[in-house]
Protein backbone atom coordinates (compact mmCIF):
# COMPACT_ATOMS: atom_id res chain seq x y z
CA MET A 1 -8.79 5.56 -2.24
CA THR A 2 -6.13 6.05 -4.32
CA LEU A 3 -3.48 2.85 -5.96
CA GLY A 4 -1.41 3.34 -3.18
CA ARG A 5 -3.53 3.08 -0.57
CA ARG A 6 -5.35 -0.25 -1.49
CA LEU A 7 -2.09 -1.91 -1.59
CA LYS A 8 -0.69 -0.08 1.42
CA THR A 9 -4.35 -1.42 3.20
CA ALA A 10 -3.93 -4.96 2.02
CA ARG A 11 -0.78 -5.42 2.98
CA GLU A 12 -0.91 -4.42 6.47
CA LYS A 13 -4.22 -6.57 6.84
CA LYS A 14 -2.14 -9.37 5.45
CA GLY A 15 0.72 -8.47 7.49
CA LEU A 16 3.40 -8.11 5.13
CA THR A 17 6.57 -6.70 4.50
CA GLN A 18 7.97 -3.94 1.10
CA ALA A 19 9.98 -6.30 1.01
CA GLU A 20 7.58 -9.86 1.53
CA LEU A 21 5.37 -7.94 -1.48
CA GLY A 22 7.82 -6.90 -3.16
CA ARG A 23 8.98 -10.91 -3.79
CA LEU A 24 4.83 -12.02 -3.48
CA LEU A 25 5.06 -9.54 -6.72
CA GLY A 26 8.02 -10.12 -8.21
CA VAL A 27 9.77 -6.62 -7.65
CA THR A 28 12.06 -4.85 -5.22
CA ASP A 29 10.82 -3.32 -2.02
CA ALA A 30 11.45 0.08 -3.29
CA THR A 31 9.34 -0.22 -6.01
CA VAL A 32 6.04 -1.10 -3.05
CA ALA A 33 7.34 1.75 -1.65
CA LYS A 34 7.19 4.06 -4.60
CA LYS A 35 4.42 3.08 -5.55
CA ILE A 36 2.54 3.80 -1.65
CA CYS A 37 4.20 6.73 -1.79
CA ALA A 38 3.64 7.91 -5.52
CA ALA A 39 1.62 11.41 -5.61
CA PRO A 40 -0.58 10.96 -8.47
CA ILE A 41 0.67 11.40 -12.02
CA LEU A 42 -0.62 14.07 -13.64
CA PRO A 43 -0.75 14.36 -17.70
CA ARG A 44 1.98 16.46 -19.24
CA SER A 45 0.82 19.10 -21.29
CA LYS A 46 1.35 20.02 -24.97
CA ASN A 47 3.28 23.11 -25.04
């Protein structure tokens, strides 16, 4: 399970919106949305 999926599941269990979770974490709701929807970050190739 990805970090984003775990965040979403935990947020939904607590009945929090992305904005409410963001306030608790000290970040914006946009940051929360990016973490939940983010694709896995792949390492840069060394060319």
